[in-house]
PDB file of all heavy atoms in Angstrom:
ATOM      1  N   LEU A   1      17.472 -15.358 -12.792  1.00  0.00           N
ATOM      2  CA  LEU A   1      17.880 -14.222 -12.083  1.00  0.00           C
ATOM      3  C   LEU A   1      19.168 -13.624 -12.774  1.00  0.00           C
ATOM      4  O   LEU A   1      19.224 -12.398 -12.938  1.00  0.00           O
ATOM      5  CB  LEU A   1      18.204 -14.604 -10.610  1.00  0.00           C
ATOM      6  CG  LEU A   1      18.851 -13.547  -9.687  1.00  0.00           C
ATOM      7  CD1 LEU A   1      18.007 -12.319  -9.446  1.00  0.00           C
ATOM      8  CD2 LEU A   1      19.335 -14.140  -8.476  1.00  0.00           C
ATOM      9  N   ILE A   2      20.103 -14.507 -13.029  1.00  0.00           N
ATOM     10  CA  ILE A   2      21.338 -14.066 -13.759  1.00  0.00           C
ATOM     11  C   ILE A   2      21.004 -13.537 -15.076  1.00  0.00           C
ATOM     12  O   ILE A   2      21.621 -12.458 -15.549  1.00  0.00           O
ATOM     13  CB  ILE A   2      22.403 -15.199 -13.723  1.00  0.00           C
ATOM     14  CG1 ILE A   2      22.764 -15.479 -12.274  1.00  0.00           C
ATOM     15  CG2 ILE A   2      23.629 -14.795 -14.509  1.00  0.00           C
ATOM     16  CD1 ILE A   2      23.504 -16.759 -12.029  1.00  0.00           C
ATOM     17  N   TYR A   3      20.189 -14.111 -15.839  1.00  0.00           N
ATOM     18  CA  TYR A   3      19.783 -13.713 -17.235  1.00  0.00           C
ATOM     19  C   TYR A   3      19.263 -12.277 -17.118  1.00  0.00           C
ATOM     20  O   TYR A   3      19.635 -11.304 -17.787  1.00  0.00           O
ATOM     21  CB  TYR A   3      18.664 -14.693 -17.862  1.00  0.00           C
ATOM     22  CG  TYR A   3      18.197 -14.127 -19.103  1.00  0.00           C
ATOM     23  CD1 TYR A   3      18.777 -14.639 -20.348  1.00  0.00           C
ATOM     24  CD2 TYR A   3      17.150 -13.174 -19.173  1.00  0.00           C
ATOM     25  CE1 TYR A   3      18.286 -14.036 -21.473  1.00  0.00           C
ATOM     26  CE2 TYR A   3      16.656 -12.834 -20.242  1.00  0.00           C
ATOM     27  CZ  TYR A   3      17.256 -13.067 -21.505  1.00  0.00           C
ATOM     28  OH  TYR A   3      16.751 -12.671 -22.763  1.00  0.00           O
ATOM     29  N   ASP A   4      18.242 -12.114 -16.187  1.00  0.00           N
ATOM     30  CA  ASP A   4      17.595 -10.715 -16.040  1.00  0.00           C
ATOM     31  C   ASP A   4      18.599  -9.706 -15.728  1.00  0.00           C
ATOM     32  O   ASP A   4      18.508  -8.679 -16.225  1.00  0.00           O
ATOM     33  CB  ASP A   4      16.575 -10.879 -14.901  1.00  0.00           C
ATOM     34  CG  ASP A   4      15.347 -11.586 -15.452  1.00  0.00           C
ATOM     35  OD1 ASP A   4      15.124 -11.992 -16.662  1.00  0.00           O
ATOM     36  OD2 ASP A   4      14.442 -11.878 -14.535  1.00  0.00           O
ATOM     37  N   GLN A   5      19.626  -9.968 -14.854  1.00  0.00           N
ATOM     38  CA  GLN A   5      20.684  -9.029 -14.544  1.00  0.00           C
ATOM     39  C   GLN A   5      21.418  -8.800 -15.795  1.00  0.00           C
ATOM     40  O   GLN A   5      21.907  -7.632 -15.978  1.00  0.00           O
ATOM     41  CB  GLN A   5      21.476  -9.522 -13.335  1.00  0.00           C
ATOM     42  CG  GLN A   5      22.522  -8.585 -13.002  1.00  0.00           C
ATOM     43  CD  GLN A   5      22.015  -7.164 -12.466  1.00  0.00           C
ATOM     44  OE1 GLN A   5      21.009  -7.097 -11.985  1.00  0.00           O
ATOM     45  NE2 GLN A   5      22.780  -6.187 -12.768  1.00  0.00           N
ATOM     46  N   ALA A   6      21.897  -9.751 -16.434  1.00  0.00           N
ATOM     47  CA  ALA A   6      22.603  -9.464 -17.789  1.00  0.00           C
ATOM     48  C   ALA A   6      21.931  -8.636 -18.704  1.00  0.00           C
ATOM     49  O   ALA A   6      22.544  -7.696 -19.312  1.00  0.00           O
ATOM     50  CB  ALA A   6      22.953 -10.826 -18.452  1.00  0.00           C
ATOM     51  N   ARG A   7      20.572  -8.755 -18.800  1.00  0.00           N
ATOM     52  CA  ARG A   7      19.760  -7.903 -19.647  1.00  0.00           C
ATOM     53  C   ARG A   7      19.769  -6.494 -19.121  1.00  0.00           C
ATOM     54  O   ARG A   7      19.805  -5.495 -19.920  1.00  0.00           O
ATOM     55  CB  ARG A   7      18.276  -8.350 -19.737  1.00  0.00           C
ATOM     56  CG  ARG A   7      18.100  -9.700 -20.425  1.00  0.00           C
ATOM     57  CD  ARG A   7      18.508  -9.568 -21.906  1.00  0.00           C
ATOM     58  NE  ARG A   7      17.316  -8.906 -22.570  1.00  0.00           N
ATOM     59  CZ  ARG A   7      17.413  -8.546 -23.906  1.00  0.00           C
ATOM     60  NH1 ARG A   7      18.344  -9.036 -24.625  1.00  0.00           N
ATOM     61  NH2 ARG A   7      16.406  -7.811 -24.477  1.00  0.00           N
ATOM     62  N   ARG A   8      19.670  -6.299 -17.792  1.00  0.00           N
ATOM     63  CA  ARG A   8      19.797  -4.960 -17.154  1.00  0.00           C
ATOM     64  C   ARG A   8      21.110  -4.265 -17.508  1.00  0.00           C
ATOM     65  O   ARG A   8      21.111  -3.142 -17.497  1.00  0.00           O
ATOM     66  CB  ARG A   8      19.424  -5.037 -15.707  1.00  0.00           C
ATOM     67  CG  ARG A   8      18.014  -5.221 -15.214  1.00  0.00           C
ATOM     68  CD  ARG A   8      17.723  -4.977 -13.836  1.00  0.00           C
ATOM     69  NE  ARG A   8      18.262  -6.078 -12.980  1.00  0.00           N
ATOM     70  CZ  ARG A   8      17.601  -7.205 -12.809  1.00  0.00           C
ATOM     71  NH1 ARG A   8      16.313  -7.376 -13.518  1.00  0.00           N
ATOM     72  NH2 ARG A   8      17.827  -8.084 -12.079  1.00  0.00           N
ATOM     73  N   LEU A   9      22.137  -5.097 -17.563  1.00  0.00           N
ATOM     74  CA  LEU A   9      23.453  -4.628 -17.953  1.00  0.00           C
ATOM     75  C   LEU A   9      23.558  -4.383 -19.430  1.00  0.00           C
ATOM     76  O   LEU A   9      24.816  -4.020 -19.799  1.00  0.00           O
ATOM     77  CB  LEU A   9      24.470  -5.490 -17.371  1.00  0.00           C
ATOM     78  CG  LEU A   9      24.596  -5.566 -15.859  1.00  0.00           C
ATOM     79  CD1 LEU A   9      25.468  -6.692 -15.420  1.00  0.00           C
ATOM     80  CD2 LEU A   9      25.137  -4.323 -15.330  1.00  0.00           C
ATOM     81  N   LYS A  10      22.552  -4.518 -20.188  1.00  0.00           N
ATOM     82  CA  LYS A  10      22.581  -4.274 -21.669  1.00  0.00           C
ATOM     83  C   LYS A  10      23.472  -5.202 -22.411  1.00  0.00           C
ATOM     84  O   LYS A  10      23.946  -5.016 -23.515  1.00  0.00           O
ATOM     85  CB  LYS A  10      22.977  -2.896 -21.964  1.00  0.00           C
ATOM     86  CG  LYS A  10      22.271  -1.853 -21.188  1.00  0.00           C
ATOM     87  CD  LYS A  10      20.863  -1.592 -21.787  1.00  0.00           C
ATOM     88  CE  LYS A  10      20.190  -0.314 -21.257  1.00  0.00           C
ATOM     89  NZ  LYS A  10      19.098  -0.602 -20.500  1.00  0.00           N
ATOM     90  N   LEU A  11      23.678  -6.414 -21.836  1.00  0.00           N
ATOM     91  CA  LEU A  11      24.425  -7.536 -22.490  1.00  0.00           C
ATOM     92  C   LEU A  11      23.483  -8.221 -23.505  1.00  0.00           C
ATOM     93  O   LEU A  11      22.352  -8.413 -23.086  1.00  0.00           O
ATOM     94  CB  LEU A  11      25.098  -8.443 -21.559  1.00  0.00           C
ATOM     95  CG  LEU A  11      26.100  -7.849 -20.586  1.00  0.00           C
ATOM     96  CD1 LEU A  11      26.497  -8.881 -19.488  1.00  0.00           C
ATOM     97  CD2 LEU A  11      27.413  -7.376 -21.571  1.00  0.00           C
ATOM     98  N   PRO A  12      23.878  -8.624 -24.598  1.00  0.00           N
ATOM     99  CA  PRO A  12      23.023  -9.302 -25.492  1.00  0.00           C
ATOM    100  C   PRO A  12      22.898 -10.816 -25.252  1.00  0.00           C
ATOM    101  O   PRO A  12      23.204 -11.735 -26.068  1.00  0.00           O
ATOM    102  CB  PRO A  12      23.723  -9.019 -26.857  1.00  0.00           C
ATOM    103  CG  PRO A  12      25.245  -9.009 -26.605  1.00  0.00           C
ATOM    104  CD  PRO A  12      25.233  -8.361 -25.310  1.00  0.00           C
ATOM    105  N   VAL A  13      22.407 -11.051 -24.067  1.00  0.00           N
ATOM    106  CA  VAL A  13      22.327 -12.467 -23.518  1.00  0.00           C
ATOM    107  C   VAL A  13      21.188 -13.136 -24.146  1.00  0.00           C
ATOM    108  O   VAL A  13      20.071 -12.549 -24.337  1.00  0.00           O
ATOM    109  CB  VAL A  13      22.098 -12.337 -21.882  1.00  0.00           C
ATOM    110  CG1 VAL A  13      20.940 -11.668 -21.521  1.00  0.00           C
ATOM    111  CG2 VAL A  13      22.115 -13.858 -21.383  1.00  0.00           C
ATOM    112  N   VAL A  14      21.270 -14.402 -24.406  1.00  0.00           N
ATOM    113  CA  VAL A  14      20.176 -15.188 -24.970  1.00  0.00           C
ATOM    114  C   VAL A  14      19.893 -16.384 -24.063  1.00  0.00           C
ATOM    115  O   VAL A  14      18.789 -16.885 -24.159  1.00  0.00           O
ATOM    116  CB  VAL A  14      20.556 -15.743 -26.501  1.00  0.00           C
ATOM    117  CG1 VAL A  14      20.772 -14.655 -27.515  1.00  0.00           C
ATOM    118  CG2 VAL A  14      21.754 -16.672 -26.520  1.00  0.00           C
ATOM    119  N   GLU A  15      20.841 -16.849 -23.242  1.00  0.00           N
ATOM    120  CA  GLU A  15      20.466 -17.832 -22.295  1.00  0.00           C
ATOM    121  C   GLU A  15      21.599 -17.919 -21.197  1.00  0.00           C
ATOM    122  O   GLU A  15      22.682 -17.452 -21.349  1.00  0.00           O
ATOM    123  CB  GLU A  15      20.273 -19.243 -22.940  1.00  0.00           C
ATOM    124  CG  GLU A  15      21.765 -19.897 -23.547  1.00  0.00           C
ATOM    125  CD  GLU A  15      21.469 -21.249 -24.012  1.00  0.00           C
ATOM    126  OE1 GLU A  15      20.463 -21.417 -24.665  1.00  0.00           O
ATOM    127  OE2 GLU A  15      22.337 -22.087 -23.784  1.00  0.00           O
ATOM    128  N   VAL A  16      21.121 -18.521 -20.102  1.00  0.00           N
ATOM    129  CA  VAL A  16      22.068 -18.644 -18.920  1.00  0.00           C
ATOM    130  C   VAL A  16      21.824 -19.982 -18.452  1.00  0.00           C
ATOM    131  O   VAL A  16      20.629 -20.482 -18.239  1.00  0.00           O
ATOM    132  CB  VAL A  16      21.797 -17.765 -17.809  1.00  0.00           C
ATOM    133  CG1 VAL A  16      22.570 -18.047 -16.616  1.00  0.00           C
ATOM    134  CG2 VAL A  16      22.153 -16.232 -18.235  1.00  0.00           C
ATOM    135  N   THR A  17      22.831 -20.860 -18.307  1.00  0.00           N
ATOM    136  CA  THR A  17      22.764 -22.260 -17.751  1.00  0.00           C
ATOM    137  C   THR A  17      23.443 -22.169 -16.309  1.00  0.00           C
ATOM    138  O   THR A  17      24.521 -21.559 -16.202  1.00  0.00           O
ATOM    139  CB  THR A  17      23.416 -23.329 -18.560  1.00  0.00           C
ATOM    140  OG1 THR A  17      22.755 -23.291 -19.796  1.00  0.00           O
ATOM    141  CG2 THR A  17      23.337 -24.579 -18.013  1.00  0.00           C
ATOM    142  N   LEU A  18      22.786 -22.635 -15.342  1.00  0.00           N
ATOM    143  CA  LEU A  18      23.364 -22.669 -13.969  1.00  0.00           C
ATOM    144  C   LEU A  18      23.603 -24.202 -13.660  1.00  0.00           C
ATOM    145  O   LEU A  18      22.756 -25.003 -13.655  1.00  0.00           O
ATOM    146  CB  LEU A  18      22.450 -22.240 -12.901  1.00  0.00           C
ATOM    147  CG  LEU A  18      23.143 -22.262 -11.505  1.00  0.00           C
ATOM    148  CD1 LEU A  18      24.145 -21.324 -11.490  1.00  0.00           C
ATOM    149  CD2 LEU A  18      22.094 -22.297 -10.402  1.00  0.00           C
ATOM    150  N   TRP A  19      24.974 -24.424 -13.652  1.00  0.00           N
ATOM    151  CA  TRP A  19      25.341 -25.873 -13.129  1.00  0.00           C
ATOM    152  C   TRP A  19      25.415 -25.803 -11.620  1.00  0.00           C
ATOM    153  O   TRP A  19      26.206 -25.158 -10.982  1.00  0.00           O
ATOM    154  CB  TRP A  19      26.795 -26.225 -13.763  1.00  0.00           C
ATOM    155  CG  TRP A  19      26.613 -26.442 -15.164  1.00  0.00           C
ATOM    156  CD1 TRP A  19      26.753 -25.421 -16.203  1.00  0.00           C
ATOM    157  CD2 TRP A  19      26.402 -27.812 -15.814  1.00  0.00           C
ATOM    158  NE1 TRP A  19      26.564 -26.159 -17.379  1.00  0.00           N
ATOM    159  CE2 TRP A  19      26.408 -27.529 -17.200  1.00  0.00           C
ATOM    160  CE3 TRP A  19      26.130 -28.946 -15.247  1.00  0.00           C
ATOM    161  CZ2 TRP A  19      26.128 -28.611 -18.077  1.00  0.00           C
ATOM    162  CZ3 TRP A  19      26.003 -30.132 -16.125  1.00  0.00           C
ATOM    163  CH2 TRP A  19      25.990 -29.872 -17.521  1.00  0.00           C
ATOM    164  N   GLU A  20      24.461 -26.515 -11.068  1.00  0.00           N
ATOM    165  CA  GLU A  20      24.388 -26.623  -9.537  1.00  0.00           C
ATOM    166  C   GLU A  20      25.459 -27.624  -9.065  1.00  0.00           C
ATOM    167  O   GLU A  20      25.870 -27.434  -7.933  1.00  0.00           O
ATOM    168  CB  GLU A  20      22.921 -27.124  -9.168  1.00  0.00           C
ATOM    169  CG  GLU A  20      22.611 -26.890  -7.733  1.00  0.00           C
ATOM    170  CD  GLU A  20      21.189 -27.185  -7.399  1.00  0.00           C
ATOM    171  OE1 GLU A  20      20.729 -28.287  -7.297  1.00  0.00           O
ATOM    172  OE2 GLU A  20      20.486 -25.995  -7.274  1.00  0.00           O
ATOM    173  N   THR A  21      25.630 -28.729  -9.926  1.00  0.00           N
ATOM    174  CA  THR A  21      26.603 -29.709  -9.566  1.00  0.00           C
ATOM    175  C   THR A  21      27.254 -29.963 -10.914  1.00  0.00           C
ATOM    176  O   THR A  21      26.973 -29.544 -11.838  1.00  0.00           O
ATOM    177  CB  THR A  21      26.024 -30.960  -8.911  1.00  0.00           C
ATOM    178  OG1 THR A  21      25.369 -31.704  -9.944  1.00  0.00           O
ATOM    179  CG2 THR A  21      25.184 -30.656  -7.573  1.00  0.00           C
ATOM    180  N   ARG A  22      28.325 -30.757 -10.700  1.00  0.00           N
ATOM    181  CA  ARG A  22      29.007 -31.283 -12.051  1.00  0.00           C
ATOM    182  C   ARG A  22      28.131 -31.852 -13.052  1.00  0.00           C
ATOM    183  O   ARG A  22      28.316 -32.068 -14.222  1.00  0.00           O
ATOM    184  CB  ARG A  22      30.133 -32.177 -11.835  1.00  0.00           C
ATOM    185  CG  ARG A  22      31.290 -31.491 -11.154  1.00  0.00           C
ATOM    186  CD  ARG A  22      32.419 -32.499 -11.073  1.00  0.00           C
ATOM    187  NE  ARG A  22      32.056 -33.797 -11.350  1.00  0.00           N
ATOM    188  CZ  ARG A  22      32.538 -34.956 -11.029  1.00  0.00           C
ATOM    189  NH1 ARG A  22      33.617 -34.954 -10.337  1.00  0.00           N
ATOM    190  NH2 ARG A  22      32.114 -36.145 -11.452  1.00  0.00           N
ATOM    191  N   ARG A  23      26.987 -32.513 -12.526  1.00  0.00           N
ATOM    192  CA  ARG A  23      26.090 -33.293 -13.535  1.00  0.00           C
ATOM    193  C   ARG A  23      24.698 -32.765 -13.610  1.00  0.00           C
ATOM    194  O   ARG A  23      23.816 -33.326 -14.322  1.00  0.00           O
ATOM    195  CB  ARG A  23      25.975 -34.755 -12.918  1.00  0.00           C
ATOM    196  CG  ARG A  23      27.263 -35.558 -12.939  1.00  0.00           C
ATOM    197  CD  ARG A  23      26.970 -36.971 -12.581  1.00  0.00           C
ATOM    198  NE  ARG A  23      28.285 -37.716 -12.632  1.00  0.00           N
ATOM    199  CZ  ARG A  23      29.207 -37.905 -11.764  1.00  0.00           C
ATOM    200  NH1 ARG A  23      28.947 -37.323 -10.521  1.00  0.00           N
ATOM    201  NH2 ARG A  23      30.274 -38.467 -11.928  1.00  0.00           N
ATOM    202  N   SER A  24      24.340 -31.573 -12.885  1.00  0.00           N
ATOM    203  CA  SER A  24      22.988 -31.078 -13.004  1.00  0.00           C
ATOM    204  C   SER A  24      22.986 -29.668 -13.240  1.00  0.00           C
ATOM    205  O   SER A  24      23.671 -28.910 -12.625  1.00  0.00           O
ATOM    206  CB  SER A  24      22.276 -31.401 -11.375  1.00  0.00           C
ATOM    207  OG  SER A  24      22.409 -32.748 -11.262  1.00  0.00           O
ATOM    208  N   SER A  25      22.176 -29.276 -14.282  1.00  0.00           N
ATOM    209  CA  SER A  25      22.104 -27.927 -14.589  1.00  0.00           C
ATOM    210  C   SER A  25      20.739 -27.509 -14.959  1.00  0.00           C
ATOM    211  O   SER A  25      19.825 -28.421 -15.264  1.00  0.00           O
ATOM    212  CB  SER A  25      23.048 -27.652 -15.783  1.00  0.00           C
ATOM    213  OG  SER A  25      22.514 -28.351 -17.023  1.00  0.00           O
ATOM    214  N   ALA A  26      20.461 -26.292 -15.123  1.00  0.00           N
ATOM    215  CA  ALA A  26      19.036 -25.752 -15.522  1.00  0.00           C
ATOM    216  C   ALA A  26      19.421 -24.545 -16.436  1.00  0.00           C
ATOM    217  O   ALA A  26      20.333 -23.733 -16.179  1.00  0.00           O
ATOM    218  CB  ALA A  26      18.157 -25.437 -14.384  1.00  0.00           C
ATOM    219  N   THR A  27      18.647 -24.447 -17.479  1.00  0.00           N
ATOM    220  CA  THR A  27      18.811 -23.257 -18.377  1.00  0.00           C
ATOM    221  C   THR A  27      17.710 -22.482 -18.481  1.00  0.00           C
ATOM    222  O   THR A  27      16.498 -22.890 -18.452  1.00  0.00           O
ATOM    223  CB  THR A  27      19.228 -23.848 -19.795  1.00  0.00           C
ATOM    224  OG1 THR A  27      20.333 -24.538 -19.774  1.00  0.00           O
ATOM    225  CG2 THR A  27      19.423 -22.758 -20.838  1.00  0.00           C
ATOM    226  N   TYR A  28      17.986 -21.066 -18.496  1.00  0.00           N
ATOM    227  CA  TYR A  28      16.787 -20.195 -18.710  1.00  0.00           C
ATOM    228  C   TYR A  28      17.088 -19.485 -20.024  1.00  0.00           C
ATOM    229  O   TYR A  28      18.221 -18.951 -20.334  1.00  0.00           O
ATOM    230  CB  TYR A  28      16.629 -19.112 -17.694  1.00  0.00           C
ATOM    231  CG  TYR A  28      15.523 -18.203 -18.056  1.00  0.00           C
ATOM    232  CD1 TYR A  28      14.218 -18.424 -17.981  1.00  0.00           C
ATOM    233  CD2 TYR A  28      15.790 -16.924 -18.579  1.00  0.00           C
ATOM    234  CE1 TYR A  28      13.217 -17.645 -18.329  1.00  0.00           C
ATOM    235  CE2 TYR A  28      14.915 -16.014 -18.904  1.00  0.00           C
ATOM    236  CZ  TYR A  28      13.465 -16.453 -18.809  1.00  0.00           C
ATOM    237  OH  TYR A  28      12.493 -15.545 -19.267  1.00  0.00           O
ATOM    238  N   ARG A  29      16.077 -19.578 -21.040  1.00  0.00           N
ATOM    239  CA  ARG A  29      16.163 -18.973 -22.323  1.00  0.00           C
ATOM    240  C   ARG A  29      14.766 -18.505 -22.656  1.00  0.00           C
ATOM    241  O   ARG A  29      13.844 -19.366 -22.735  1.00  0.00           O
ATOM    242  CB  ARG A  29      16.711 -19.862 -23.376  1.00  0.00           C
ATOM    243  CG  ARG A  29      16.802 -19.315 -24.782  1.00  0.00           C
ATOM    244  CD  ARG A  29      17.250 -20.264 -25.866  1.00  0.00           C
ATOM    245  NE  ARG A  29      16.528 -21.546 -25.862  1.00  0.00           N
ATOM    246  CZ  ARG A  29      17.054 -22.714 -25.548  1.00  0.00           C
ATOM    247  NH1 ARG A  29      18.366 -22.890 -25.350  1.00  0.00           N
ATOM    248  NH2 ARG A  29      16.237 -23.738 -25.675  1.00  0.00           N
ATOM    249  N   PRO A  30      14.480 -17.211 -22.687  1.00  0.00           N
ATOM    250  CA  PRO A  30      13.149 -16.694 -23.005  1.00  0.00           C
ATOM    251  C   PRO A  30      12.765 -17.138 -24.291  1.00  0.00           C
ATOM    252  O   PRO A  30      13.463 -17.270 -25.260  1.00  0.00           O
ATOM    253  CB  PRO A  30      13.146 -15.234 -22.837  1.00  0.00           C
ATOM    254  CG  PRO A  30      14.689 -14.851 -23.076  1.00  0.00           C
ATOM    255  CD  PRO A  30      15.433 -16.114 -22.609  1.00  0.00           C
ATOM    256  N   VAL A  31      11.275 -17.269 -24.397  1.00  0.00           N
ATOM    257  CA  VAL A  31      10.858 -17.802 -25.715  1.00  0.00           C
ATOM    258  C   VAL A  31      10.905 -16.651 -26.745  1.00  0.00           C
ATOM    259  O   VAL A  31      11.427 -16.860 -27.939  1.00  0.00           O
ATOM    260  CB  VAL A  31       9.180 -18.286 -25.610  1.00  0.00           C
ATOM    261  CG1 VAL A  31       8.568 -18.431 -26.914  1.00  0.00           C
ATOM    262  CG2 VAL A  31       9.150 -19.403 -24.693  1.00  0.00           C
TER     263      VAL A  31
END
């Protein structure tokens, strides 16, 4: 969701990592 919004804002985003806790994260990076 954050990646898609960054793209809509015309930022040259390549990936977004969401840290849900200090030890757990998920990354979205399109192929």
